[in-house]
């Protein structure tokens, strides 16, 4: 079941970055980044798109969009507002 996340939420940011980096529009909350074709180089590309404070090790520890978004919220609070 696809849930829609609030604009500016970590969940939306993570899912959009992963879908772009993996070229996979079908990704859902509990799909594993690495099982869906991610590798260390794609992890770095995703990391840069999501937040500069993110570490590659975070993607290896939190391998689903739901888990990574929860980690980001717990660690950094709400994401910065999108720049216009």
PDB file of N, CA and C in Angstrom:
ATOM      1  N   UNK A   1       0.856  -1.180   0.000  1.00  0.00           N
ATOM      2  CA  UNK A   1       0.000   0.000   0.000  1.00  0.00           C
ATOM      3  C   UNK A   1       0.888   1.225   0.000  1.00  0.00           C
ATOM      4  N   UNK A   2       0.711   2.075  -0.969  1.00  0.00           N
ATOM      5  CA  UNK A   2       1.508   3.300  -1.070  1.00  0.00           C
ATOM      6  C   UNK A   2       0.862   4.363  -0.202  1.00  0.00           C
ATOM      7  N   UNK A   3       1.662   4.957   0.673  1.00  0.00           N
ATOM      8  CA  UNK A   3       1.185   6.043   1.512  1.00  0.00           C
ATOM      9  C   UNK A   3       1.723   7.342   0.953  1.00  0.00           C
ATOM     10  N   UNK A   4       0.919   8.390   0.995  1.00  0.00           N
ATOM     11  CA  UNK A   4       1.455   9.657   0.534  1.00  0.00           C
ATOM     12  C   UNK A   4       1.986  10.408   1.737  1.00  0.00           C
ATOM     13  N   UNK A   5       3.186  10.901   1.600  1.00  0.00           N
ATOM     14  CA  UNK A   5       3.843  11.612   2.684  1.00  0.00           C
ATOM     15  C   UNK A   5       3.657  13.104   2.489  1.00  0.00           C
ATOM     16  N   UNK A   6       3.733  13.810   3.583  1.00  0.00           N
ATOM     17  CA  UNK A   6       3.590  15.265   3.522  1.00  0.00           C
ATOM     18  C   UNK A   6       4.744  15.873   2.735  1.00  0.00           C
ATOM     19  N   UNK A   7       4.451  16.945   1.997  1.00  0.00           N
ATOM     20  CA  UNK A   7       5.536  17.623   1.271  1.00  0.00           C
ATOM     21  C   UNK A   7       6.630  18.036   2.249  1.00  0.00           C
ATOM     22  N   UNK A   8       7.865  17.822   1.875  1.00  0.00           N
ATOM     23  CA  UNK A   8       8.979  18.183   2.737  1.00  0.00           C
ATOM     24  C   UNK A   8       9.321  17.139   3.779  1.00  0.00           C
ATOM     25  N   UNK A   9       8.573  16.028   3.806  1.00  0.00           N
ATOM     26  CA  UNK A   9       8.870  15.000   4.799  1.00  0.00           C
ATOM     27  C   UNK A   9      10.088  14.192   4.366  1.00  0.00           C
ATOM     28  N   UNK A  10      10.792  13.646   5.351  1.00  0.00           N
ATOM     29  CA  UNK A  10      11.943  12.793   5.032  1.00  0.00           C
ATOM     30  C   UNK A  10      11.507  11.635   4.158  1.00  0.00           C
ATOM     31  N   UNK A  11      10.351  11.082   4.433  1.00  0.00           N
ATOM     32  CA  UNK A  11       9.884   9.937   3.650  1.00  0.00           C
ATOM     33  C   UNK A  11       9.806  10.294   2.172  1.00  0.00           C
ATOM     34  N   UNK A  12       9.180  11.407   1.857  1.00  0.00           N
ATOM     35  CA  UNK A  12       9.049  11.831   0.458  1.00  0.00           C
ATOM     36  C   UNK A  12      10.417  12.066  -0.159  1.00  0.00           C
ATOM     37  N   UNK A  13      11.300  12.712   0.574  1.00  0.00           N
ATOM     38  CA  UNK A  13      12.646  13.008   0.071  1.00  0.00           C
ATOM     39  C   UNK A  13      13.401  11.715  -0.225  1.00  0.00           C
ATOM     40  N   UNK A  14      13.341  10.764   0.701  1.00  0.00           N
ATOM     41  CA  UNK A  14      14.046   9.485   0.525  1.00  0.00           C
ATOM     42  C   UNK A  14      13.480   8.715  -0.666  1.00  0.00           C
ATOM     43  N   UNK A  15      12.167   8.577  -0.730  1.00  0.00           N
ATOM     44  CA  UNK A  15      11.552   7.807  -1.817  1.00  0.00           C
ATOM     45  C   UNK A  15      11.871   8.435  -3.170  1.00  0.00           C
ATOM     46  N   UNK A  16      11.757   9.749  -3.279  1.00  0.00           N
ATOM     47  CA  UNK A  16      12.056  10.411  -4.556  1.00  0.00           C
ATOM     48  C   UNK A  16      13.514  10.205  -4.959  1.00  0.00           C
ATOM     49  N   UNK A  17      14.430  10.329  -4.008  1.00  0.00           N
ATOM     50  CA  UNK A  17      15.853  10.136  -4.310  1.00  0.00           C
ATOM     51  C   UNK A  17      16.119   8.700  -4.739  1.00  0.00           C
ATOM     52  N   UNK A  18      15.570   7.729  -4.011  1.00  0.00           N
ATOM     53  CA  UNK A  18      15.800   6.328  -4.344  1.00  0.00           C
ATOM     54  C   UNK A  18      15.214   5.982  -5.697  1.00  0.00           C
ATOM     55  N   UNK A  19      14.002   6.457  -5.972  1.00  0.00           N
ATOM     56  CA  UNK A  19      13.382   6.167  -7.269  1.00  0.00           C
ATOM     57  C   UNK A  19      14.220   6.740  -8.403  1.00  0.00           C
ATOM     58  N   UNK A  20      14.757   7.930  -8.204  1.00  0.00           N
ATOM     59  CA  UNK A  20      15.581   8.557  -9.237  1.00  0.00           C
ATOM     60  C   UNK A  20      16.904   7.806  -9.416  1.00  0.00           C
ATOM     61  N   UNK A  21      17.598   7.555  -8.323  1.00  0.00           N
ATOM     62  CA  UNK A  21      18.913   6.909  -8.380  1.00  0.00           C
ATOM     63  C   UNK A  21      18.812   5.482  -8.918  1.00  0.00           C
ATOM     64  N   UNK A  22      17.769   4.771  -8.516  1.00  0.00           N
ATOM     65  CA  UNK A  22      17.607   3.375  -8.941  1.00  0.00           C
ATOM     66  C   UNK A  22      16.802   3.250 -10.235  1.00  0.00           C
ATOM     67  N   UNK A  23      16.294   4.372 -10.733  1.00  0.00           N
ATOM     68  CA  UNK A  23      15.454   4.369 -11.940  1.00  0.00           C
ATOM     69  C   UNK A  23      14.336   3.344 -11.791  1.00  0.00           C
ATOM     70  N   UNK A  24      13.635   3.435 -10.653  1.00  0.00           N
ATOM     71  CA  UNK A  24      12.591   2.467 -10.317  1.00  0.00           C
ATOM     72  C   UNK A  24      11.400   3.194  -9.700  1.00  0.00           C
ATOM     73  N   UNK A  25      10.371   3.415 -10.501  1.00  0.00           N
ATOM     74  CA  UNK A  25       9.182   4.121 -10.020  1.00  0.00           C
ATOM     75  C   UNK A  25       8.327   3.290  -9.071  1.00  0.00           C
ATOM     76  N   UNK A  26       8.595   2.005  -8.985  1.00  0.00           N
ATOM     77  CA  UNK A  26       7.750   1.102  -8.202  1.00  0.00           C
ATOM     78  C   UNK A  26       8.129   1.013  -6.727  1.00  0.00           C
ATOM     79  N   UNK A  27       9.196   1.645  -6.290  1.00  0.00           N
ATOM     80  CA  UNK A  27       9.677   1.463  -4.921  1.00  0.00           C
ATOM     81  C   UNK A  27       8.636   1.875  -3.888  1.00  0.00           C
ATOM     82  N   UNK A  28       8.553   1.093  -2.831  1.00  0.00           N
ATOM     83  CA  UNK A  28       7.621   1.333  -1.731  1.00  0.00           C
ATOM     84  C   UNK A  28       8.397   1.448  -0.422  1.00  0.00           C
ATOM     85  N   UNK A  29       7.671   1.687   0.668  1.00  0.00           N
ATOM     86  CA  UNK A  29       8.263   1.925   1.988  1.00  0.00           C
ATOM     87  C   UNK A  29       9.255   0.860   2.441  1.00  0.00           C
ATOM     88  N   UNK A  30       8.937  -0.392   2.170  1.00  0.00           N
ATOM     89  CA  UNK A  30       9.729  -1.475   2.760  1.00  0.00           C
ATOM     90  C   UNK A  30      10.594  -2.218   1.747  1.00  0.00           C
ATOM     91  N   UNK A  31      10.798  -1.629   0.576  1.00  0.00           N
ATOM     92  CA  UNK A  31      11.731  -2.209  -0.388  1.00  0.00           C
ATOM     93  C   UNK A  31      13.158  -1.897   0.057  1.00  0.00           C
ATOM     94  N   UNK A  32      14.016  -2.891  -0.036  1.00  0.00           N
ATOM     95  CA  UNK A  32      15.418  -2.760   0.358  1.00  0.00           C
ATOM     96  C   UNK A  32      16.204  -2.082  -0.769  1.00  0.00           C
ATOM     97  N   UNK A  33      16.871  -0.990  -0.445  1.00  0.00           N
ATOM     98  CA  UNK A  33      17.636  -0.218  -1.432  1.00  0.00           C
ATOM     99  C   UNK A  33      18.599  -1.109  -2.212  1.00  0.00           C
ATOM    100  N   UNK A  34      19.315  -1.972  -1.523  1.00  0.00           N
ATOM    101  CA  UNK A  34      20.343  -2.790  -2.168  1.00  0.00           C
ATOM    102  C   UNK A  34      19.747  -3.974  -2.930  1.00  0.00           C
ATOM    103  N   UNK A  35      18.646  -4.524  -2.442  1.00  0.00           N
ATOM    104  CA  UNK A  35      17.979  -5.604  -3.173  1.00  0.00           C
ATOM    105  C   UNK A  35      17.306  -5.092  -4.445  1.00  0.00           C
ATOM    106  N   UNK A  36      17.026  -3.794  -4.494  1.00  0.00           N
ATOM    107  CA  UNK A  36      16.390  -3.188  -5.670  1.00  0.00           C
ATOM    108  C   UNK A  36      17.416  -2.664  -6.676  1.00  0.00           C
ATOM    109  N   UNK A  37      18.686  -3.008  -6.479  1.00  0.00           N
ATOM    110  CA  UNK A  37      19.710  -2.624  -7.451  1.00  0.00           C
ATOM    111  C   UNK A  37      20.694  -1.584  -6.965  1.00  0.00           C
ATOM    112  N   UNK A  38      20.581  -1.171  -5.711  1.00  0.00           N
ATOM    113  CA  UNK A  38      21.516  -0.195  -5.166  1.00  0.00           C
ATOM    114  C   UNK A  38      22.885  -0.808  -4.934  1.00  0.00           C
ATOM    115  N   UNK A  39      23.903   0.019  -5.036  1.00  0.00           N
ATOM    116  CA  UNK A  39      25.273  -0.379  -4.723  1.00  0.00           C
ATOM    117  C   UNK A  39      25.937   0.815  -4.046  1.00  0.00           C
ATOM    118  N   UNK A  40      27.229   0.719  -3.750  1.00  0.00           N
ATOM    119  CA  UNK A  40      27.883   1.791  -3.005  1.00  0.00           C
ATOM    120  C   UNK A  40      27.871   3.118  -3.759  1.00  0.00           C
ATOM    121  N   UNK A  41      28.041   3.093  -5.071  1.00  0.00           N
ATOM    122  CA  UNK A  41      28.026   4.342  -5.843  1.00  0.00           C
ATOM    123  C   UNK A  41      26.620   4.951  -5.873  1.00  0.00           C
ATOM    124  N   UNK A  42      25.606   4.123  -6.023  1.00  0.00           N
ATOM    125  CA  UNK A  42      24.233   4.634  -6.006  1.00  0.00           C
ATOM    126  C   UNK A  42      23.867   5.124  -4.611  1.00  0.00           C
ATOM    127  N   UNK A  43      24.407   4.471  -3.586  1.00  0.00           N
ATOM    128  CA  UNK A  43      24.166   4.926  -2.216  1.00  0.00           C
ATOM    129  C   UNK A  43      24.730   6.330  -2.021  1.00  0.00           C
ATOM    130  N   UNK A  44      25.910   6.586  -2.557  1.00  0.00           N
ATOM    131  CA  UNK A  44      26.509   7.923  -2.454  1.00  0.00           C
ATOM    132  C   UNK A  44      25.652   8.938  -3.199  1.00  0.00           C
ATOM    133  N   UNK A  45      25.187   8.597  -4.390  1.00  0.00           N
ATOM    134  CA  UNK A  45      24.319   9.509  -5.151  1.00  0.00           C
ATOM    135  C   UNK A  45      23.033   9.804  -4.378  1.00  0.00           C
ATOM    136  N   UNK A  46      22.449   8.771  -3.779  1.00  0.00           N
ATOM    137  CA  UNK A  46      21.228   8.963  -2.993  1.00  0.00           C
ATOM    138  C   UNK A  46      21.508   9.830  -1.775  1.00  0.00           C
ATOM    139  N   UNK A  47      22.612   9.565  -1.113  1.00  0.00           N
ATOM    140  CA  UNK A  47      22.992  10.308   0.077  1.00  0.00           C
ATOM    141  C   UNK A  47      23.105  11.801  -0.225  1.00  0.00           C
ATOM    142  N   UNK A  48      23.747  12.145  -1.329  1.00  0.00           N
ATOM    143  CA  UNK A  48      23.924  13.546  -1.715  1.00  0.00           C
ATOM    144  C   UNK A  48      22.567  14.197  -1.975  1.00  0.00           C
ATOM    145  N   UNK A  49      21.657  13.473  -2.576  1.00  0.00           N
ATOM    146  CA  UNK A  49      20.320  14.016  -2.879  1.00  0.00           C
ATOM    147  C   UNK A  49      19.468  14.180  -1.628  1.00  0.00           C
ATOM    148  N   UNK A  50      19.640  13.297  -0.661  1.00  0.00           N
ATOM    149  CA  UNK A  50      18.771  13.296   0.522  1.00  0.00           C
ATOM    150  C   UNK A  50      19.191  14.365   1.519  1.00  0.00           C
ATOM    151  N   UNK A  51      20.440  14.330   1.969  1.00  0.00           N
ATOM    152  CA  UNK A  51      20.912  15.300   2.960  1.00  0.00           C
ATOM    153  C   UNK A  51      22.423  15.169   3.089  1.00  0.00           C
ATOM    154  N   UNK A  52      23.146  16.284   3.104  1.00  0.00           N
ATOM    155  CA  UNK A  52      24.609  16.215   3.184  1.00  0.00           C
ATOM    156  C   UNK A  52      25.125  15.632   4.501  1.00  0.00           C
ATOM    157  N   UNK A  53      24.294  15.612   5.532  1.00  0.00           N
ATOM    158  CA  UNK A  53      24.728  15.045   6.822  1.00  0.00           C
ATOM    159  C   UNK A  53      24.646  13.527   6.839  1.00  0.00           C
ATOM    160  N   UNK A  54      23.951  12.961   5.885  1.00  0.00           N
ATOM    161  CA  UNK A  54      23.766  11.516   5.813  1.00  0.00           C
ATOM    162  C   UNK A  54      25.086  10.831   5.480  1.00  0.00           C
ATOM    163  N   UNK A  55      25.307   9.666   6.083  1.00  0.00           N
ATOM    164  CA  UNK A  55      26.511   8.876   5.807  1.00  0.00           C
ATOM    165  C   UNK A  55      26.116   7.614   5.048  1.00  0.00           C
ATOM    166  N   UNK A  56      27.032   7.109   4.255  1.00  0.00           N
ATOM    167  CA  UNK A  56      26.762   5.872   3.518  1.00  0.00           C
ATOM    168  C   UNK A  56      26.402   4.757   4.497  1.00  0.00           C
ATOM    169  N   UNK A  57      27.047   4.728   5.648  1.00  0.00           N
ATOM    170  CA  UNK A  57      26.740   3.691   6.639  1.00  0.00           C
ATOM    171  C   UNK A  57      25.284   3.760   7.091  1.00  0.00           C
ATOM    172  N   UNK A  58      24.676   4.958   7.071  1.00  0.00           N
ATOM    173  CA  UNK A  58      23.258   5.076   7.421  1.00  0.00           C
ATOM    174  C   UNK A  58      22.393   4.298   6.432  1.00  0.00           C
ATOM    175  N   UNK A  59      22.752   4.356   5.148  1.00  0.00           N
ATOM    176  CA  UNK A  59      21.982   3.625   4.140  1.00  0.00           C
ATOM    177  C   UNK A  59      22.149   2.115   4.301  1.00  0.00           C
ATOM    178  N   UNK A  60      23.320   1.672   4.731  1.00  0.00           N
ATOM    179  CA  UNK A  60      23.522   0.239   4.951  1.00  0.00           C
ATOM    180  C   UNK A  60      22.780  -0.238   6.199  1.00  0.00           C
ATOM    181  N   UNK A  61      22.673   0.620   7.210  1.00  0.00           N
ATOM    182  CA  UNK A  61      21.960   0.242   8.440  1.00  0.00           C
ATOM    183  C   UNK A  61      20.446   0.355   8.289  1.00  0.00           C
ATOM    184  N   UNK A  62      20.000   1.341   7.525  1.00  0.00           N
ATOM    185  CA  UNK A  62      18.565   1.617   7.360  1.00  0.00           C
ATOM    186  C   UNK A  62      18.243   1.437   5.883  1.00  0.00           C
ATOM    187  N   UNK A  63      18.002   0.203   5.481  1.00  0.00           N
ATOM    188  CA  UNK A  63      17.978  -0.176   4.065  1.00  0.00           C
ATOM    189  C   UNK A  63      16.646   0.053   3.372  1.00  0.00           C
ATOM    190  N   UNK A  64      15.592   0.394   4.117  1.00  0.00           N
ATOM    191  CA  UNK A  64      14.300   0.689   3.493  1.00  0.00           C
ATOM    192  C   UNK A  64      14.007   2.179   3.632  1.00  0.00           C
ATOM    193  N   UNK A  65      13.134   2.687   2.768  1.00  0.00           N
ATOM    194  CA  UNK A  65      12.769   4.106   2.834  1.00  0.00           C
ATOM    195  C   UNK A  65      12.138   4.431   4.184  1.00  0.00           C
ATOM    196  N   UNK A  66      11.289   3.544   4.676  1.00  0.00           N
ATOM    197  CA  UNK A  66      10.629   3.779   5.962  1.00  0.00           C
ATOM    198  C   UNK A  66      11.654   3.855   7.094  1.00  0.00           C
ATOM    199  N   UNK A  67      12.607   2.935   7.100  1.00  0.00           N
ATOM    200  CA  UNK A  67      13.619   2.911   8.159  1.00  0.00           C
ATOM    201  C   UNK A  67      14.541   4.125   8.077  1.00  0.00           C
ATOM    202  N   UNK A  68      14.959   4.493   6.878  1.00  0.00           N
ATOM    203  CA  UNK A  68      15.857   5.641   6.733  1.00  0.00           C
ATOM    204  C   UNK A  68      15.134   6.934   7.090  1.00  0.00           C
ATOM    205  N   UNK A  69      13.882   7.082   6.673  1.00  0.00           N
ATOM    206  CA  UNK A  69      13.113   8.283   7.014  1.00  0.00           C
ATOM    207  C   UNK A  69      12.935   8.396   8.528  1.00  0.00           C
ATOM    208  N   UNK A  70      12.661   7.279   9.200  1.00  0.00           N
ATOM    209  CA  UNK A  70      12.521   7.290  10.659  1.00  0.00           C
ATOM    210  C   UNK A  70      13.838   7.685  11.318  1.00  0.00           C
ATOM    211  N   UNK A  71      14.946   7.149  10.824  1.00  0.00           N
ATOM    212  CA  UNK A  71      16.269   7.499  11.351  1.00  0.00           C
ATOM    213  C   UNK A  71      16.542   8.992  11.177  1.00  0.00           C
ATOM    214  N   UNK A  72      16.258   9.526   9.997  1.00  0.00           N
ATOM    215  CA  UNK A  72      16.497  10.946   9.737  1.00  0.00           C
ATOM    216  C   UNK A  72      15.639  11.826  10.639  1.00  0.00           C
ATOM    217  N   UNK A  73      14.387  11.457  10.833  1.00  0.00           N
ATOM    218  CA  UNK A  73      13.499  12.230  11.705  1.00  0.00           C
ATOM    219  C   UNK A  73      14.005  12.203  13.135  1.00  0.00           C
ATOM    220  N   UNK A  74      14.401  11.017  13.601  1.00  0.00           N
ATOM    221  CA  UNK A  74      14.905  10.881  14.970  1.00  0.00           C
ATOM    222  C   UNK A  74      16.214  11.647  15.160  1.00  0.00           C
ATOM    223  N   UNK A  75      17.075  11.616  14.163  1.00  0.00           N
ATOM    224  CA  UNK A  75      18.398  12.229  14.277  1.00  0.00           C
ATOM    225  C   UNK A  75      18.376  13.733  14.038  1.00  0.00           C
ATOM    226  N   UNK A  76      17.622  14.181  13.029  1.00  0.00           N
ATOM    227  CA  UNK A  76      17.688  15.582  12.604  1.00  0.00           C
ATOM    228  C   UNK A  76      16.378  16.347  12.745  1.00  0.00           C
ATOM    229  N   UNK A  77      15.302  15.692  13.155  1.00  0.00           N
ATOM    230  CA  UNK A  77      14.010  16.371  13.206  1.00  0.00           C
ATOM    231  C   UNK A  77      13.438  16.501  11.806  1.00  0.00           C
ATOM    232  N   UNK A  78      12.612  17.488  11.608  1.00  0.00           N
ATOM    233  CA  UNK A  78      11.997  17.695  10.297  1.00  0.00           C
ATOM    234  C   UNK A  78      13.044  18.162   9.291  1.00  0.00           C
ATOM    235  N   UNK A  79      12.857  17.807   8.018  1.00  0.00           N
ATOM    236  CA  UNK A  79      13.817  18.255   6.995  1.00  0.00           C
ATOM    237  C   UNK A  79      13.689  19.755   6.760  1.00  0.00           C
ATOM    238  N   UNK A  80      14.747  20.362   6.225  1.00  0.00           N
ATOM    239  CA  UNK A  80      14.654  21.784   5.898  1.00  0.00           C
ATOM    240  C   UNK A  80      13.577  22.009   4.842  1.00  0.00           C
ATOM    241  N   UNK A  81      12.983  23.181   4.877  1.00  0.00           N
ATOM    242  CA  UNK A  81      11.960  23.521   3.880  1.00  0.00           C
ATOM    243  C   UNK A  81      12.597  23.556   2.502  1.00  0.00           C
ATOM    244  N   UNK A  82      11.862  23.098   1.491  1.00  0.00           N
ATOM    245  CA  UNK A  82      12.410  23.146   0.127  1.00  0.00           C
ATOM    246  C   UNK A  82      12.706  24.586  -0.278  1.00  0.00           C
ATOM    247  N   UNK A  83      13.816  24.782  -0.956  1.00  0.00           N
ATOM    248  CA  UNK A  83      14.147  26.133  -1.409  1.00  0.00           C
ATOM    249  C   UNK A  83      13.378  26.438  -2.682  1.00  0.00           C
ATOM    250  N   UNK A  84      12.997  27.690  -2.818  1.00  0.00           N
ATOM    251  CA  UNK A  84      12.221  28.056  -4.002  1.00  0.00           C
ATOM    252  C   UNK A  84      13.046  28.806  -5.004  1.00  0.00           C
TER     253      UNK A  84
END
